[in-house]
Protein backbone atom coordinates (compact mmCIF):
# COMPACT_ATOMS: atom_id res chain seq x y z
CA UNK A 1 -54.94 52.20 149.74
CA UNK A 2 -55.90 48.99 151.54
CA UNK A 3 -57.87 50.97 154.10
CA UNK A 4 -59.72 52.80 151.29
CA UNK A 5 -60.71 49.55 149.59
CA UNK A 6 -61.82 48.15 152.93
CA UNK A 7 -63.89 51.22 153.86
CA UNK A 8 -65.59 51.38 150.45
CA UNK A 9 -65.96 47.62 150.23
CA UNK A 10 -64.59 47.70 146.67
CA UNK A 11 -63.40 44.12 146.66
CA UNK A 12 -66.87 42.74 147.44
CA UNK A 13 -68.82 44.91 144.98
CA UNK A 14 -70.01 43.66 141.58
CA UNK A 15 -69.62 45.52 138.28
CA UNK A 16 -72.83 47.56 138.54
CA UNK A 17 -72.05 48.66 142.10
CA UNK A 18 -68.50 49.63 141.16
CA UNK A 19 -69.82 51.60 138.15
CA UNK A 20 -72.32 53.39 140.37
CA UNK A 21 -69.56 54.26 142.80
CA UNK A 22 -67.30 55.81 140.14
CA UNK A 23 -70.16 57.72 138.52
CA UNK A 24 -71.25 59.15 141.86
CA UNK A 25 -67.78 60.38 142.74
CA UNK A 26 -67.20 61.71 139.21
CA UNK A 27 -70.48 63.65 139.37
CA UNK A 28 -69.44 65.23 142.66
CA UNK A 29 -65.97 66.03 141.29
CA UNK A 30 -67.46 67.82 138.27
CA UNK A 31 -69.27 70.35 140.47
CA UNK A 32 -66.21 70.82 142.68
CA UNK A 33 -63.95 71.62 139.67
CA UNK A 34 -66.26 72.95 136.96
CA UNK A 35 -63.58 74.90 135.05
CA UNK A 36 -61.20 71.96 134.88
CA UNK A 37 -64.00 69.68 133.72
CA UNK A 38 -65.10 72.04 130.91
CA UNK A 39 -61.51 72.54 129.78
CA UNK A 40 -60.85 68.81 129.66
CA UNK A 41 -64.16 68.08 127.95
CA UNK A 42 -63.56 70.72 125.23
CA UNK A 43 -60.03 69.46 124.64
CA UNK A 44 -61.16 65.88 124.18
CA UNK A 45 -64.13 66.99 122.04
CA UNK A 46 -61.92 69.07 119.71
CA UNK A 47 -59.42 66.23 119.33
CA UNK A 48 -62.13 63.72 118.45
CA UNK A 49 -63.94 66.07 116.03
CA UNK A 50 -60.70 67.12 114.33
CA UNK A 51 -59.70 63.49 113.89
CA UNK A 52 -63.05 62.66 112.30
CA UNK A 53 -62.94 65.68 109.98
CA UNK A 54 -59.39 64.97 108.82
CA UNK A 55 -60.24 61.33 108.23
CA UNK A 56 -63.27 62.28 106.12
CA UNK A 57 -61.28 64.83 104.10
CA UNK A 58 -58.61 62.25 103.35
CA UNK A 59 -61.15 59.60 102.33
CA UNK A 60 -63.34 62.01 100.29
CA UNK A 61 -60.59 64.36 99.08
CA UNK A 62 -60.52 63.04 95.52
CA UNK A 63 -64.28 63.50 95.15
CA UNK A 64 -64.13 67.03 96.62
CA UNK A 65 -61.45 68.18 94.17
CA UNK A 66 -63.29 66.47 91.32
CA UNK A 67 -66.51 68.37 92.10
CA UNK A 68 -64.57 71.65 92.27
CA UNK A 69 -63.10 70.98 88.83
CA UNK A 70 -66.47 69.96 87.40
CA UNK A 71 -67.92 73.29 88.51
CA UNK A 72 -66.08 74.96 85.61
CA UNK A 73 -66.06 72.32 82.87
CA UNK A 74 -68.84 69.86 83.66
CA UNK A 75 -68.72 66.18 84.49
CA UNK A 76 -65.95 65.28 82.03
CA UNK A 77 -62.38 64.09 82.40
CA UNK A 78 -60.74 65.98 79.54
CA UNK A 79 -61.43 68.03 76.41
CA UNK A 80 -59.30 66.97 73.44
CA UNK A 81 -58.74 69.58 70.74
CA UNK A 82 -56.04 70.12 68.11
CA UNK A 83 -53.13 72.28 69.21
CA UNK A 84 -53.88 74.88 66.53
CA UNK A 85 -56.27 77.79 66.94
CA UNK A 86 -58.49 79.26 64.26
CA UNK A 87 -58.64 83.02 63.82
CA UNK A 88 -62.36 83.64 63.60
CA UNK A 89 -64.20 86.87 62.99
CA UNK A 90 -67.62 87.88 64.30
CA UNK A 91 -70.21 89.60 62.13
CA UNK A 92 -69.20 92.81 63.87
CA UNK A 93 -65.68 92.44 62.47
CA UNK A 94 -64.14 91.48 65.82
CA UNK A 95 -61.42 88.84 65.53
CA UNK A 96 -60.96 86.16 68.16
CA UNK A 97 -59.25 82.80 68.57
CA UNK A 98 -61.21 79.58 68.81
CA UNK A 99 -59.87 75.99 69.06
CA UNK A 100 -59.74 74.03 65.85
CA UNK A 101 -62.31 71.26 65.55
CA UNK A 102 -61.28 67.62 65.73
CA UNK A 103 -62.80 65.13 63.32
CA UNK A 104 -64.46 62.63 65.66
CA UNK A 105 -65.43 60.36 62.77
CA UNK A 106 -61.80 60.09 61.67
CA UNK A 107 -60.61 59.37 65.22
CA UNK A 108 -63.28 56.72 65.70
CA UNK A 109 -62.45 55.10 62.36
CA UNK A 110 -58.72 55.04 63.10
CA UNK A 111 -59.06 53.29 66.47
CA UNK A 112 -61.76 50.99 65.17
CA UNK A 113 -59.37 49.71 62.50
CA UNK A 114 -56.14 49.70 64.54
CA UNK A 115 -57.01 49.38 68.23
CA UNK A 116 -60.70 48.62 68.92
CA UNK A 117 -59.93 47.58 72.52
CA UNK A 118 -58.59 51.05 73.32
CA UNK A 119 -61.54 52.67 71.55
CA UNK A 120 -63.95 50.95 73.97
CA UNK A 121 -61.94 52.20 76.94
CA UNK A 122 -61.57 55.80 75.73
CA UNK A 123 -65.30 56.56 76.04
CA UNK A 124 -65.11 59.42 73.57
CA UNK A 125 -68.02 61.64 72.64
CA UNK A 126 -67.94 64.56 70.20
CA UNK A 127 -68.74 68.11 71.23
CA UNK A 128 -68.55 71.15 69.00
CA UNK A 129 -68.57 74.66 70.47
CA UNK A 130 -69.25 77.65 68.23
CA UNK A 131 -68.89 81.12 69.72
CA UNK A 132 -69.75 84.57 68.44
CA UNK A 133 -73.08 83.52 66.88
CA UNK A 134 -75.85 85.95 66.10
CA UNK A 135 -79.35 84.68 66.84
CA UNK A 136 -82.57 86.05 65.36
CA UNK A 137 -86.11 84.84 65.97
CA UNK A 138 -88.47 84.26 63.06
CA UNK A 139 -90.60 87.37 63.64
CA UNK A 140 -87.50 89.58 63.30
CA UNK A 141 -85.99 87.69 60.35
CA UNK A 142 -87.91 89.47 57.62
CA UNK A 143 -89.71 86.31 56.52
CA UNK A 144 -93.02 88.04 57.26
CA UNK A 145 -94.42 91.15 58.87
CA UNK A 146 -94.14 90.76 62.64
CA UNK A 147 -97.65 92.17 63.16
CA UNK A 148 -99.34 90.01 60.51
CA UNK A 149 -100.57 86.60 61.66
CA UNK A 150 -101.76 85.87 58.12
CA UNK A 151 -98.28 86.29 56.67
CA UNK A 152 -96.83 84.14 59.45
CA UNK A 153 -99.24 81.30 58.68
CA UNK A 154 -98.53 81.65 54.95
CA UNK A 155 -94.79 81.37 55.58
CA UNK A 156 -95.24 78.34 57.83
CA UNK A 157 -97.27 76.62 55.11
CA UNK A 158 -94.07 76.48 53.01
CA UNK A 159 -92.25 74.33 55.60
CA UNK A 160 -90.92 70.94 54.54
CA UNK A 161 -93.41 68.14 55.17
CA UNK A 162 -90.77 65.73 56.47
CA UNK A 163 -89.35 67.83 59.33
CA UNK A 164 -91.77 70.78 59.46
CA UNK A 165 -88.88 73.22 59.09
CA UNK A 166 -88.26 76.22 56.80
CA UNK A 167 -86.76 75.70 53.37
CA UNK A 168 -82.97 75.98 53.19
CA UNK A 169 -83.35 78.86 50.75
CA UNK A 170 -85.07 80.93 53.46
CA UNK A 171 -81.84 81.17 55.44
CA UNK A 172 -80.17 83.14 52.64
CA UNK A 173 -82.69 85.97 52.95
CA UNK A 174 -82.38 86.62 56.69
CA UNK A 175 -80.84 89.95 57.60
CA UNK A 176 -78.72 89.97 60.79
CA UNK A 177 -78.11 93.30 62.49
CA UNK A 178 -74.56 93.96 63.65
CA UNK A 179 -75.71 95.12 67.11
CA UNK A 180 -77.10 91.70 68.10
CA UNK A 181 -75.64 90.02 71.16
CA UNK A 182 -73.13 87.19 70.69
CA UNK A 183 -74.25 83.67 71.59
CA UNK A 184 -72.59 80.29 72.01
CA UNK A 185 -73.80 77.10 70.35
CA UNK A 186 -72.82 73.72 71.83
CA UNK A 187 -73.52 70.65 69.71
CA UNK A 188 -73.16 67.16 71.19
CA UNK A 189 -74.60 63.65 70.90
CA UNK A 190 -76.94 63.18 73.83
CA UNK A 191 -77.47 59.48 73.17
CA UNK A 192 -73.71 58.78 73.09
CA UNK A 193 -73.08 60.73 76.28
CA UNK A 194 -75.82 58.84 78.07
CA UNK A 195 -74.34 55.53 76.91
CA UNK A 196 -70.94 56.30 78.42
CA UNK A 197 -72.53 57.95 81.49
CA UNK A 198 -70.76 61.23 80.97
CA UNK A 199 -72.79 62.99 83.67
CA UNK A 200 -74.07 61.62 86.95
CA UNK A 201 -77.07 63.94 86.80
CA UNK A 202 -77.58 63.97 83.05
CA UNK A 203 -81.05 65.18 82.15
CA UNK A 204 -80.87 66.03 78.43
CA UNK A 205 -82.91 63.71 76.25
CA UNK A 206 -82.05 63.23 72.57
CA UNK A 207 -83.54 66.03 70.47
CA UNK A 208 -85.11 65.82 67.07
CA UNK A 209 -84.02 67.57 63.90
CA UNK A 210 -84.44 71.31 64.22
CA UNK A 211 -84.71 71.31 68.02
CA UNK A 212 -82.41 73.13 70.43
CA UNK A 213 -82.34 73.78 74.16
CA UNK A 214 -81.84 77.29 75.55
CA UNK A 215 -79.98 77.00 78.85
CA UNK A 216 -80.11 80.69 79.73
CA UNK A 217 -83.31 81.47 81.62
CA UNK A 218 -83.82 84.95 80.26
CA UNK A 219 -86.44 86.62 78.05
CA UNK A 220 -83.68 87.93 75.78
CA UNK A 221 -82.12 84.47 75.29
CA UNK A 222 -82.20 83.05 71.75
CA UNK A 223 -83.22 86.43 70.38
CA UNK A 224 -86.32 86.48 72.57
CA UNK A 225 -87.84 83.43 70.84
CA UNK A 226 -90.55 81.42 72.55
CA UNK A 227 -90.96 77.66 72.57
CA UNK A 228 -92.07 76.42 69.16
CA UNK A 229 -90.70 79.39 67.23
CA UNK A 230 -87.99 79.22 64.58
CA UNK A 231 -84.62 80.86 65.22
CA UNK A 232 -81.90 81.63 62.69
CA UNK A 233 -78.21 81.53 63.62
CA UNK A 234 -75.20 82.90 61.78
CA UNK A 235 -71.52 82.75 62.57
CA UNK A 236 -68.84 85.01 61.22
CA UNK A 237 -66.24 83.56 58.85
CA UNK A 238 -63.14 81.74 60.02
CA UNK A 239 -60.24 80.84 57.83
CA UNK A 240 -59.39 77.13 57.56
CA UNK A 241 -57.41 77.32 54.33
CA UNK A 242 -53.94 77.58 56.02
CA UNK A 243 -54.55 74.15 57.57
CA UNK A 244 -55.79 72.77 54.24
CA UNK A 245 -52.68 74.07 52.44
CA UNK A 246 -50.40 72.66 55.15
CA UNK A 247 -52.03 69.22 54.87
CA UNK A 248 -51.84 69.21 51.08
CA UNK A 249 -48.15 70.20 51.14
CA UNK A 250 -47.26 67.47 53.65
CA UNK A 251 -49.30 64.96 51.66
CA UNK A 252 -47.40 65.86 48.52
CA UNK A 253 -43.89 65.95 50.05
CA UNK A 254 -44.02 63.16 52.65
CA UNK A 255 -46.60 60.82 51.15
CA UNK A 256 -46.33 61.54 47.43
CA UNK A 257 -50.00 62.50 47.36
CA UNK A 258 -51.23 59.06 48.46
CA UNK A 259 -53.41 60.33 51.29
CA UNK A 260 -56.98 61.42 50.65
CA UNK A 261 -57.28 65.14 49.83
CA UNK A 262 -59.38 67.26 52.16
CA UNK A 263 -61.52 68.59 49.34
CA UNK A 264 -62.38 65.29 47.67
CA UNK A 265 -61.93 65.28 43.91
CA UNK A 266 -60.63 68.83 43.70
CA UNK A 267 -57.57 67.79 41.69
CA UNK A 268 -59.71 66.81 38.72
CA UNK A 269 -61.71 70.04 38.37
CA UNK A 270 -60.69 73.59 37.59
CA UNK A 271 -60.70 76.45 40.10
CA UNK A 272 -63.91 77.98 38.77
CA UNK A 273 -65.85 74.73 39.17
CA UNK A 274 -64.32 74.15 42.62
CA UNK A 275 -65.49 77.53 43.87
CA UNK A 276 -68.95 76.94 42.42
CA UNK A 277 -69.23 73.50 44.04
CA UNK A 278 -67.99 74.61 47.44
């Protein structure tokens, strides 16, 4: 060893000369043992890359699983619905289950009166989803002859001046065919969801009265209606009376009728007047 250091003059060399010496011998050794060098290089490379990948997965794992979950339900934490389901029925006579709707106004009022601090932290926003809807565009609704522009303009002249929308009475004269495709209507408060930053890439601006956004990019979507046209929607009946009866019975037995009835003022009118009003 001493003879080697003396022959190579290692003790008298500076850092740059020593570095040059080791690089020169390493370069020669690589060409003498190419297979060993490639095997060692690949082993070290795989160890380093694997360590980096595992470290990134651990640090970004929560975000990765969050994005996977959001692929199915959107950029939300949870959907809160009552435990009960409503047995709904499409216009075709097909029965299906849909979640009962929660009264967001009642929830907001309860926490505002009892726990406003928690209300601010909940970041709630209402969403209503209606499935099994039939959609019909104005030209197929029977309001006017589809081929007559004069009749179309005459019908549009009857629109309300405030919102430029058809009269409510027009909706009662629309005929929906049973062979129409089923659609889904999602109703939510865009302004509220923007306030609580519900989506990181939220791009829905608040819409005016009578406006809707068709998310399906298809000519048959929304009954084939074009932008600016009127569409009519109709949902099959669903029975809410079992829940009303259950509430009224519990109100009578547990609270002696002190809680507000669901159908306000119905106790003071007869059945005939109640049906007429509702």
